[in-house]
C-alpha atoms as a PDB file:
ATOM      1  CA  UNK A   1     -26.765  -9.585  -2.215  1.00  0.00           C
ATOM      2  CA  UNK A   2     -27.206 -12.512  -4.941  1.00  0.00           C
ATOM      3  CA  UNK A   3     -27.964 -11.124  -8.379  1.00  0.00           C
ATOM      4  CA  UNK A   4     -30.507 -12.126 -10.806  1.00  0.00           C
ATOM      5  CA  UNK A   5     -28.958 -12.561 -14.283  1.00  0.00           C
ATOM      6  CA  UNK A   6     -32.282 -11.621 -16.018  1.00  0.00           C
ATOM      7  CA  UNK A   7     -32.493  -8.448 -14.349  1.00  0.00           C
ATOM      8  CA  UNK A   8     -31.095  -5.313 -16.098  1.00  0.00           C
ATOM      9  CA  UNK A   9     -28.600  -3.133 -14.424  1.00  0.00           C
ATOM     10  CA  UNK A  10     -26.876   0.051 -15.175  1.00  0.00           C
ATOM     11  CA  UNK A  11     -23.338  -1.130 -14.921  1.00  0.00           C
ATOM     12  CA  UNK A  12     -21.504  -4.524 -14.754  1.00  0.00           C
ATOM     13  CA  UNK A  13     -18.332  -4.809 -12.874  1.00  0.00           C
ATOM     14  CA  UNK A  14     -16.296  -7.789 -13.828  1.00  0.00           C
ATOM     15  CA  UNK A  15     -14.206  -9.064 -10.969  1.00  0.00           C
ATOM     16  CA  UNK A  16     -14.605  -8.765  -7.247  1.00  0.00           C
ATOM     17  CA  UNK A  17     -11.261  -7.791  -6.136  1.00  0.00           C
ATOM     18  CA  UNK A  18     -11.096  -4.668  -3.899  1.00  0.00           C
ATOM     19  CA  UNK A  19     -10.996  -2.590  -6.888  1.00  0.00           C
ATOM     20  CA  UNK A  20     -13.984  -3.931  -8.299  1.00  0.00           C
ATOM     21  CA  UNK A  21     -15.895  -3.727  -5.099  1.00  0.00           C
ATOM     22  CA  UNK A  22     -14.679  -0.113  -4.465  1.00  0.00           C
ATOM     23  CA  UNK A  23     -16.042   0.606  -7.990  1.00  0.00           C
ATOM     24  CA  UNK A  24     -19.282  -1.046  -7.394  1.00  0.00           C
ATOM     25  CA  UNK A  25     -19.549   0.968  -3.935  1.00  0.00           C
ATOM     26  CA  UNK A  26     -19.018   4.210  -5.845  1.00  0.00           C
ATOM     27  CA  UNK A  27     -21.480   3.682  -8.376  1.00  0.00           C
ATOM     28  CA  UNK A  28     -24.004   2.472  -5.977  1.00  0.00           C
ATOM     29  CA  UNK A  29     -23.623   5.561  -4.013  1.00  0.00           C
ATOM     30  CA  UNK A  30     -24.234   7.630  -7.068  1.00  0.00           C
ATOM     31  CA  UNK A  31     -27.493   6.103  -7.899  1.00  0.00           C
ATOM     32  CA  UNK A  32     -26.098   3.654 -10.547  1.00  0.00           C
ATOM     33  CA  UNK A  33     -27.093   0.034  -9.810  1.00  0.00           C
ATOM     34  CA  UNK A  34     -24.198  -2.299 -10.588  1.00  0.00           C
ATOM     35  CA  UNK A  35     -23.973  -6.046 -10.968  1.00  0.00           C
ATOM     36  CA  UNK A  36     -20.265  -7.263  -9.637  1.00  0.00           C
ATOM     37  CA  UNK A  37     -19.644 -10.706 -11.339  1.00  0.00           C
ATOM     38  CA  UNK A  38     -16.979 -13.132 -10.024  1.00  0.00           C
ATOM     39  CA  UNK A  39     -15.799 -16.464 -11.301  1.00  0.00           C
ATOM     40  CA  UNK A  40     -14.030 -17.515  -8.295  1.00  0.00           C
ATOM     41  CA  UNK A  41     -15.770 -19.080  -4.986  1.00  0.00           C
ATOM     42  CA  UNK A  42     -14.475 -16.217  -3.053  1.00  0.00           C
ATOM     43  CA  UNK A  43     -14.248 -12.550  -3.483  1.00  0.00           C
ATOM     44  CA  UNK A  44     -11.284 -10.524  -2.851  1.00  0.00           C
ATOM     45  CA  UNK A  45      -8.840 -11.378  -5.490  1.00  0.00           C
ATOM     46  CA  UNK A  46      -5.416 -10.683  -3.896  1.00  0.00           C
ATOM     47  CA  UNK A  47      -7.058  -9.419  -0.784  1.00  0.00           C
ATOM     48  CA  UNK A  48      -7.726 -12.461   0.985  1.00  0.00           C
ATOM     49  CA  UNK A  49      -7.468 -14.549   4.364  1.00  0.00           C
ATOM     50  CA  UNK A  50      -7.823 -18.076   4.948  1.00  0.00           C
ATOM     51  CA  UNK A  51      -7.057 -21.093   7.542  1.00  0.00           C
ATOM     52  CA  UNK A  52      -3.970 -22.446   5.846  1.00  0.00           C
ATOM     53  CA  UNK A  53      -2.195 -23.941   8.581  1.00  0.00           C
ATOM     54  CA  UNK A  54      -4.091 -24.778  11.706  1.00  0.00           C
ATOM     55  CA  UNK A  55      -7.802 -24.585  12.318  1.00  0.00           C
ATOM     56  CA  UNK A  56      -8.933 -21.088  13.580  1.00  0.00           C
ATOM     57  CA  UNK A  57      -5.485 -19.686  12.748  1.00  0.00           C
ATOM     58  CA  UNK A  58      -6.094 -16.888   9.904  1.00  0.00           C
ATOM     59  CA  UNK A  59      -3.236 -15.936   7.547  1.00  0.00           C
ATOM     60  CA  UNK A  60      -3.291 -13.234   4.970  1.00  0.00           C
ATOM     61  CA  UNK A  61      -2.821 -15.140   1.661  1.00  0.00           C
ATOM     62  CA  UNK A  62      -1.560 -12.204  -0.398  1.00  0.00           C
ATOM     63  CA  UNK A  63      -1.893  -8.565   0.491  1.00  0.00           C
ATOM     64  CA  UNK A  64      -0.985  -7.828   4.205  1.00  0.00           C
ATOM     65  CA  UNK A  65       0.229  -4.381   4.712  1.00  0.00           C
ATOM     66  CA  UNK A  66      -3.066  -2.371   4.479  1.00  0.00           C
ATOM     67  CA  UNK A  67      -1.512   1.339   5.056  1.00  0.00           C
ATOM     68  CA  UNK A  68      -2.199   2.394   1.444  1.00  0.00           C
ATOM     69  CA  UNK A  69      -5.951   1.676   2.132  1.00  0.00           C
ATOM     70  CA  UNK A  70      -5.988   3.386   5.285  1.00  0.00           C
ATOM     71  CA  UNK A  71      -4.488   6.410   3.740  1.00  0.00           C
ATOM     72  CA  UNK A  72      -6.610   6.331   0.652  1.00  0.00           C
ATOM     73  CA  UNK A  73      -9.793   8.597  -0.529  1.00  0.00           C
ATOM     74  CA  UNK A  74     -11.749   5.406  -0.356  1.00  0.00           C
ATOM     75  CA  UNK A  75     -11.112   5.023   3.514  1.00  0.00           C
ATOM     76  CA  UNK A  76     -11.668   8.766   3.848  1.00  0.00           C
ATOM     77  CA  UNK A  77     -15.071   8.576   1.887  1.00  0.00           C
ATOM     78  CA  UNK A  78     -16.489   5.195   3.613  1.00  0.00           C
ATOM     79  CA  UNK A  79     -14.656   4.489   6.770  1.00  0.00           C
ATOM     80  CA  UNK A  80     -17.437   4.944   9.033  1.00  0.00           C
ATOM     81  CA  UNK A  81     -19.566   2.504   6.729  1.00  0.00           C
ATOM     82  CA  UNK A  82     -16.794  -0.028   6.471  1.00  0.00           C
ATOM     83  CA  UNK A  83     -16.478  -0.024  10.273  1.00  0.00           C
ATOM     84  CA  UNK A  84     -20.036  -0.403  10.897  1.00  0.00           C
ATOM     85  CA  UNK A  85     -19.847  -3.804   8.883  1.00  0.00           C
ATOM     86  CA  UNK A  86     -16.891  -4.955  11.057  1.00  0.00           C
ATOM     87  CA  UNK A  87     -13.923  -3.563   9.416  1.00  0.00           C
ATOM     88  CA  UNK A  88     -11.125  -2.714  12.083  1.00  0.00           C
ATOM     89  CA  UNK A  89      -7.316  -2.451  11.876  1.00  0.00           C
ATOM     90  CA  UNK A  90      -4.518  -3.138  14.311  1.00  0.00           C
ATOM     91  CA  UNK A  91      -1.455  -1.340  13.831  1.00  0.00           C
ATOM     92  CA  UNK A  92       2.181  -2.102  15.139  1.00  0.00           C
ATOM     93  CA  UNK A  93       4.858   0.184  15.856  1.00  0.00           C
ATOM     94  CA  UNK A  94       7.513  -2.422  14.780  1.00  0.00           C
ATOM     95  CA  UNK A  95       6.820  -2.266  11.117  1.00  0.00           C
ATOM     96  CA  UNK A  96       9.466  -4.536   9.668  1.00  0.00           C
ATOM     97  CA  UNK A  97      12.819  -6.375   9.955  1.00  0.00           C
ATOM     98  CA  UNK A  98      15.125  -8.609   8.133  1.00  0.00           C
ATOM     99  CA  UNK A  99      16.736 -11.763   9.674  1.00  0.00           C
ATOM    100  CA  UNK A 100      19.978 -12.980   8.099  1.00  0.00           C
ATOM    101  CA  UNK A 101      21.455 -16.349   8.011  1.00  0.00           C
ATOM    102  CA  UNK A 102      23.951 -15.839  10.673  1.00  0.00           C
ATOM    103  CA  UNK A 103      21.225 -15.101  13.107  1.00  0.00           C
ATOM    104  CA  UNK A 104      21.339 -11.304  13.063  1.00  0.00           C
ATOM    105  CA  UNK A 105      18.881  -9.091  12.181  1.00  0.00           C
ATOM    106  CA  UNK A 106      17.991  -5.239  11.208  1.00  0.00           C
ATOM    107  CA  UNK A 107      14.838  -4.095  12.720  1.00  0.00           C
ATOM    108  CA  UNK A 108      12.894  -1.076  11.916  1.00  0.00           C
ATOM    109  CA  UNK A 109      10.761   0.804  14.736  1.00  0.00           C
ATOM    110  CA  UNK A 110       8.398   3.754  14.540  1.00  0.00           C
ATOM    111  CA  UNK A 111      10.645   5.086  17.056  1.00  0.00           C
ATOM    112  CA  UNK A 112      13.091   6.877  14.986  1.00  0.00           C
ATOM    113  CA  UNK A 113      15.789   7.375  17.662  1.00  0.00           C
ATOM    114  CA  UNK A 114      15.598   3.463  18.387  1.00  0.00           C
ATOM    115  CA  UNK A 115      15.722   2.862  14.528  1.00  0.00           C
ATOM    116  CA  UNK A 116      18.786   5.044  14.298  1.00  0.00           C
ATOM    117  CA  UNK A 117      20.454   3.343  17.063  1.00  0.00           C
ATOM    118  CA  UNK A 118      19.713  -0.075  15.643  1.00  0.00           C
ATOM    119  CA  UNK A 119      21.353   0.746  12.474  1.00  0.00           C
ATOM    120  CA  UNK A 120      24.274   2.840  14.092  1.00  0.00           C
ATOM    121  CA  UNK A 121      25.125  -0.203  16.057  1.00  0.00           C
ATOM    122  CA  UNK A 122      25.210  -2.282  12.880  1.00  0.00           C
ATOM    123  CA  UNK A 123      27.070   0.235  10.699  1.00  0.00           C
ATOM    124  CA  UNK A 124      27.636   3.979  11.172  1.00  0.00           C
ATOM    125  CA  UNK A 125      27.714   4.477   7.456  1.00  0.00           C
ATOM    126  CA  UNK A 126      24.109   2.732   7.007  1.00  0.00           C
ATOM    127  CA  UNK A 127      22.802   4.918   9.857  1.00  0.00           C
ATOM    128  CA  UNK A 128      24.055   8.103   8.031  1.00  0.00           C
ATOM    129  CA  UNK A 129      22.667   6.813   4.560  1.00  0.00           C
ATOM    130  CA  UNK A 130      19.254   5.830   6.293  1.00  0.00           C
ATOM    131  CA  UNK A 131      19.127   9.363   7.969  1.00  0.00           C
ATOM    132  CA  UNK A 132      19.887  11.025   4.569  1.00  0.00           C
ATOM    133  CA  UNK A 133      17.124   9.039   2.741  1.00  0.00           C
ATOM    134  CA  UNK A 134      14.741   9.860   5.614  1.00  0.00           C
ATOM    135  CA  UNK A 135      15.365  13.513   5.142  1.00  0.00           C
ATOM    136  CA  UNK A 136      15.041  13.152   1.461  1.00  0.00           C
ATOM    137  CA  UNK A 137      11.570  11.335   2.034  1.00  0.00           C
ATOM    138  CA  UNK A 138      10.411  14.240   4.003  1.00  0.00           C
ATOM    139  CA  UNK A 139      10.944  16.559   1.179  1.00  0.00           C
ATOM    140  CA  UNK A 140       9.375  14.075  -1.385  1.00  0.00           C
ATOM    141  CA  UNK A 141       6.384  13.971   0.882  1.00  0.00           C
ATOM    142  CA  UNK A 142       5.959  17.870   0.512  1.00  0.00           C
ATOM    143  CA  UNK A 143       6.717  18.301  -3.242  1.00  0.00           C
ATOM    144  CA  UNK A 144       6.126  15.228  -5.533  1.00  0.00           C
ATOM    145  CA  UNK A 145       4.059  12.611  -3.285  1.00  0.00           C
ATOM    146  CA  UNK A 146       0.757  14.723  -3.932  1.00  0.00           C
ATOM    147  CA  UNK A 147       1.152  13.897  -7.592  1.00  0.00           C
ATOM    148  CA  UNK A 148       0.205  10.317  -6.676  1.00  0.00           C
ATOM    149  CA  UNK A 149      -3.282  11.658  -5.398  1.00  0.00           C
ATOM    150  CA  UNK A 150      -4.212  13.098  -8.366  1.00  0.00           C
ATOM    151  CA  UNK A 151      -5.283  12.301 -11.887  1.00  0.00           C
ATOM    152  CA  UNK A 152      -2.573  12.525 -14.681  1.00  0.00           C
ATOM    153  CA  UNK A 153      -2.516  14.652 -16.679  1.00  0.00           C
ATOM    154  CA  UNK A 154      -4.731  17.006 -15.023  1.00  0.00           C
ATOM    155  CA  UNK A 155      -5.040  20.702 -13.730  1.00  0.00           C
ATOM    156  CA  UNK A 156      -4.512  19.284 -10.320  1.00  0.00           C
ATOM    157  CA  UNK A 157      -1.404  17.788 -11.290  1.00  0.00           C
ATOM    158  CA  UNK A 158      -0.083  21.083 -12.897  1.00  0.00           C
ATOM    159  CA  UNK A 159      -1.030  23.081  -9.358  1.00  0.00           C
ATOM    160  CA  UNK A 160       0.502  20.221  -7.501  1.00  0.00           C
ATOM    161  CA  UNK A 161       3.817  20.853  -9.486  1.00  0.00           C
ATOM    162  CA  UNK A 162       3.454  24.536  -9.507  1.00  0.00           C
ATOM    163  CA  UNK A 163       3.409  24.305  -5.917  1.00  0.00           C
ATOM    164  CA  UNK A 164       6.257  22.046  -5.553  1.00  0.00           C
ATOM    165  CA  UNK A 165       8.459  24.347  -7.562  1.00  0.00           C
ATOM    166  CA  UNK A 166       7.401  27.379  -5.755  1.00  0.00           C
ATOM    167  CA  UNK A 167       8.126  25.734  -2.258  1.00  0.00           C
ATOM    168  CA  UNK A 168      11.553  24.345  -3.203  1.00  0.00           C
ATOM    169  CA  UNK A 169      14.552  24.447  -5.690  1.00  0.00           C
ATOM    170  CA  UNK A 170      14.512  22.575  -9.039  1.00  0.00           C
ATOM    171  CA  UNK A 171      17.717  20.770  -7.798  1.00  0.00           C
ATOM    172  CA  UNK A 172      15.881  19.250  -4.908  1.00  0.00           C
ATOM    173  CA  UNK A 173      12.915  18.068  -7.053  1.00  0.00           C
ATOM    174  CA  UNK A 174      15.408  16.487  -9.498  1.00  0.00           C
ATOM    175  CA  UNK A 175      17.223  14.649  -6.601  1.00  0.00           C
ATOM    176  CA  UNK A 176      13.732  13.316  -5.637  1.00  0.00           C
ATOM    177  CA  UNK A 177      12.947  12.142  -9.350  1.00  0.00           C
ATOM    178  CA  UNK A 178      16.518  10.413  -9.341  1.00  0.00           C
ATOM    179  CA  UNK A 179      15.548   8.485  -6.421  1.00  0.00           C
ATOM    180  CA  UNK A 180      12.280   7.056  -7.661  1.00  0.00           C
ATOM    181  CA  UNK A 181      13.537   6.330 -10.964  1.00  0.00           C
ATOM    182  CA  UNK A 182      16.565   4.491  -9.622  1.00  0.00           C
ATOM    183  CA  UNK A 183      16.704   0.694  -9.500  1.00  0.00           C
ATOM    184  CA  UNK A 184      16.425  -1.183  -6.210  1.00  0.00           C
ATOM    185  CA  UNK A 185      20.063  -2.256  -6.638  1.00  0.00           C
ATOM    186  CA  UNK A 186      21.226   1.579  -7.270  1.00  0.00           C
ATOM    187  CA  UNK A 187      19.216   2.796  -4.272  1.00  0.00           C
ATOM    188  CA  UNK A 188      20.943   0.423  -1.826  1.00  0.00           C
ATOM    189  CA  UNK A 189      24.321   0.746  -3.378  1.00  0.00           C
ATOM    190  CA  UNK A 190      24.247   4.521  -3.370  1.00  0.00           C
ATOM    191  CA  UNK A 191      23.145   5.002   0.335  1.00  0.00           C
ATOM    192  CA  UNK A 192      24.362   1.828   2.186  1.00  0.00           C
ATOM    193  CA  UNK A 193      27.647   0.365   3.075  1.00  0.00           C
ATOM    194  CA  UNK A 194      26.703  -3.370   4.099  1.00  0.00           C
ATOM    195  CA  UNK A 195      24.688  -5.924   2.156  1.00  0.00           C
ATOM    196  CA  UNK A 196      22.353  -6.186   5.161  1.00  0.00           C
ATOM    197  CA  UNK A 197      21.152  -2.710   4.845  1.00  0.00           C
ATOM    198  CA  UNK A 198      20.743  -2.883   1.196  1.00  0.00           C
ATOM    199  CA  UNK A 199      18.570  -6.110   1.765  1.00  0.00           C
ATOM    200  CA  UNK A 200      16.517  -4.323   4.110  1.00  0.00           C
ATOM    201  CA  UNK A 201      15.507  -1.722   1.481  1.00  0.00           C
ATOM    202  CA  UNK A 202      15.545  -4.375  -1.228  1.00  0.00           C
ATOM    203  CA  UNK A 203      12.751  -6.539   0.306  1.00  0.00           C
ATOM    204  CA  UNK A 204      10.262  -3.971  -0.586  1.00  0.00           C
ATOM    205  CA  UNK A 205      11.634  -3.515  -4.191  1.00  0.00           C
ATOM    206  CA  UNK A 206      11.103  -7.384  -4.682  1.00  0.00           C
ATOM    207  CA  UNK A 207       7.454  -6.797  -3.210  1.00  0.00           C
ATOM    208  CA  UNK A 208       6.335  -5.342  -6.581  1.00  0.00           C
ATOM    209  CA  UNK A 209       8.095  -8.140  -8.458  1.00  0.00           C
ATOM    210  CA  UNK A 210      10.523  -5.777  -9.947  1.00  0.00           C
ATOM    211  CA  UNK A 211      13.887  -7.358 -10.536  1.00  0.00           C
ATOM    212  CA  UNK A 212      16.842  -5.532  -8.775  1.00  0.00           C
ATOM    213  CA  UNK A 213      17.949  -3.837 -11.957  1.00  0.00           C
ATOM    214  CA  UNK A 214      14.506  -2.420 -13.181  1.00  0.00           C
ATOM    215  CA  UNK A 215      14.469   1.209 -13.415  1.00  0.00           C
ATOM    216  CA  UNK A 216      11.929   2.829 -11.001  1.00  0.00           C
ATOM    217  CA  UNK A 217      12.011  -0.270  -8.738  1.00  0.00           C
ATOM    218  CA  UNK A 218      13.499   1.950  -6.263  1.00  0.00           C
ATOM    219  CA  UNK A 219      10.496   3.984  -5.788  1.00  0.00           C
ATOM    220  CA  UNK A 220       8.543   1.526  -3.556  1.00  0.00           C
ATOM    221  CA  UNK A 221      11.340   0.656  -1.320  1.00  0.00           C
ATOM    222  CA  UNK A 222      11.911   4.549  -0.783  1.00  0.00           C
ATOM    223  CA  UNK A 223       8.242   5.283  -0.088  1.00  0.00           C
ATOM    224  CA  UNK A 224       7.300   2.303   2.011  1.00  0.00           C
ATOM    225  CA  UNK A 225      10.112   1.937   4.246  1.00  0.00           C
ATOM    226  CA  UNK A 226       9.648   5.478   5.371  1.00  0.00           C
ATOM    227  CA  UNK A 227       6.129   5.715   5.282  1.00  0.00           C
ATOM    228  CA  UNK A 228       6.090   2.574   7.660  1.00  0.00           C
ATOM    229  CA  UNK A 229       8.636   3.879   9.698  1.00  0.00           C
ATOM    230  CA  UNK A 230       6.432   7.135  10.314  1.00  0.00           C
ATOM    231  CA  UNK A 231       2.939   5.359  10.505  1.00  0.00           C
ATOM    232  CA  UNK A 232       3.807   1.587  11.657  1.00  0.00           C
ATOM    233  CA  UNK A 233       2.252  -1.056   9.677  1.00  0.00           C
ATOM    234  CA  UNK A 234      -1.457  -1.701   9.609  1.00  0.00           C
ATOM    235  CA  UNK A 235      -3.304  -4.991   9.001  1.00  0.00           C
ATOM    236  CA  UNK A 236      -7.029  -5.811   9.007  1.00  0.00           C
ATOM    237  CA  UNK A 237      -7.986  -7.200  12.248  1.00  0.00           C
ATOM    238  CA  UNK A 238      -9.246 -10.668  11.778  1.00  0.00           C
ATOM    239  CA  UNK A 239      -7.659 -10.839   8.306  1.00  0.00           C
ATOM    240  CA  UNK A 240      -7.567  -8.946   4.963  1.00  0.00           C
ATOM    241  CA  UNK A 241     -10.949 -10.793   3.901  1.00  0.00           C
ATOM    242  CA  UNK A 242     -12.634  -8.529   6.384  1.00  0.00           C
ATOM    243  CA  UNK A 243     -11.858  -5.487   3.745  1.00  0.00           C
ATOM    244  CA  UNK A 244     -13.595  -6.904   1.113  1.00  0.00           C
ATOM    245  CA  UNK A 245     -16.373  -8.363   3.023  1.00  0.00           C
ATOM    246  CA  UNK A 246     -17.131  -4.964   4.360  1.00  0.00           C
ATOM    247  CA  UNK A 247     -16.938  -3.333   0.976  1.00  0.00           C
ATOM    248  CA  UNK A 248     -19.342  -5.851  -0.353  1.00  0.00           C
ATOM    249  CA  UNK A 249     -21.971  -5.411   2.579  1.00  0.00           C
ATOM    250  CA  UNK A 250     -21.470  -1.780   2.380  1.00  0.00           C
ATOM    251  CA  UNK A 251     -22.514  -1.857  -1.537  1.00  0.00           C
ATOM    252  CA  UNK A 252     -25.057  -4.525  -1.016  1.00  0.00           C
ATOM    253  CA  UNK A 253     -26.837  -1.891   1.342  1.00  0.00           C
ATOM    254  CA  UNK A 254     -27.198   0.397  -1.486  1.00  0.00           C
ATOM    255  CA  UNK A 255     -28.826  -2.117  -3.854  1.00  0.00           C
ATOM    256  CA  UNK A 256     -25.840  -3.480  -5.742  1.00  0.00           C
ATOM    257  CA  UNK A 257     -25.891  -6.986  -6.633  1.00  0.00           C
ATOM    258  CA  UNK A 258     -23.212  -9.740  -6.789  1.00  0.00           C
ATOM    259  CA  UNK A 259     -23.126 -12.786  -8.977  1.00  0.00           C
ATOM    260  CA  UNK A 260     -20.744 -15.546  -9.655  1.00  0.00           C
ATOM    261  CA  UNK A 261     -20.117 -16.596 -13.222  1.00  0.00           C
ATOM    262  CA  UNK A 262     -19.508 -20.084 -14.417  1.00  0.00           C
ATOM    263  CA  UNK A 263     -15.933 -21.097 -15.199  1.00  0.00           C
END
């Protein structure tokens, strides 16, 4: 709903990207009336879709893979409300692939056996490296990944770390830490033989705008590659804008207001 700028609000949220809209939704849910202000003509920030080529053909302009949103506490808390405002997701069991200049490709499927066969046909060593990393990811999910869902530092983080240490050895936890602190190049070189398999992982490292030799850059390809393998890739049906539009509609129903500021 459009804001009146001469009205008093309990909070002002600057920027109508998905984080700002989410913040406003939680504030409004808890009885705090927010005003969300945005200088651009459209809301969403990096979560936008638009007709960029042909009329009626919708592209996601920036963010595309919405798996992290689907797995978030925000979606757990507000999924039903967002769906009531039209938000739906489409999920593919063919999450990603790389195509190379010679016309060849490496494809990742949600079907683990099919993926392993694809990699084995390309390189036995690459298939073995992929499987080793996949096994390590399973361990990482049970031990360190829960830390990504809690505030740091906090008692919850201490409990998560204590649980990890109780359920596994310190050597295995150090192996997890070594992977997530590695660079994208180090991750690819250690586990894969061919440049094609290394590039398959590297695309996710570049996704965060991390250079190939930045320490910690290996974390995202490690997590993203295997979470996509296991869950597929989900996109907002009709375009990423439907996410922010549903967020705006949801907090609007709770009395929050939205306004645009002059440039």
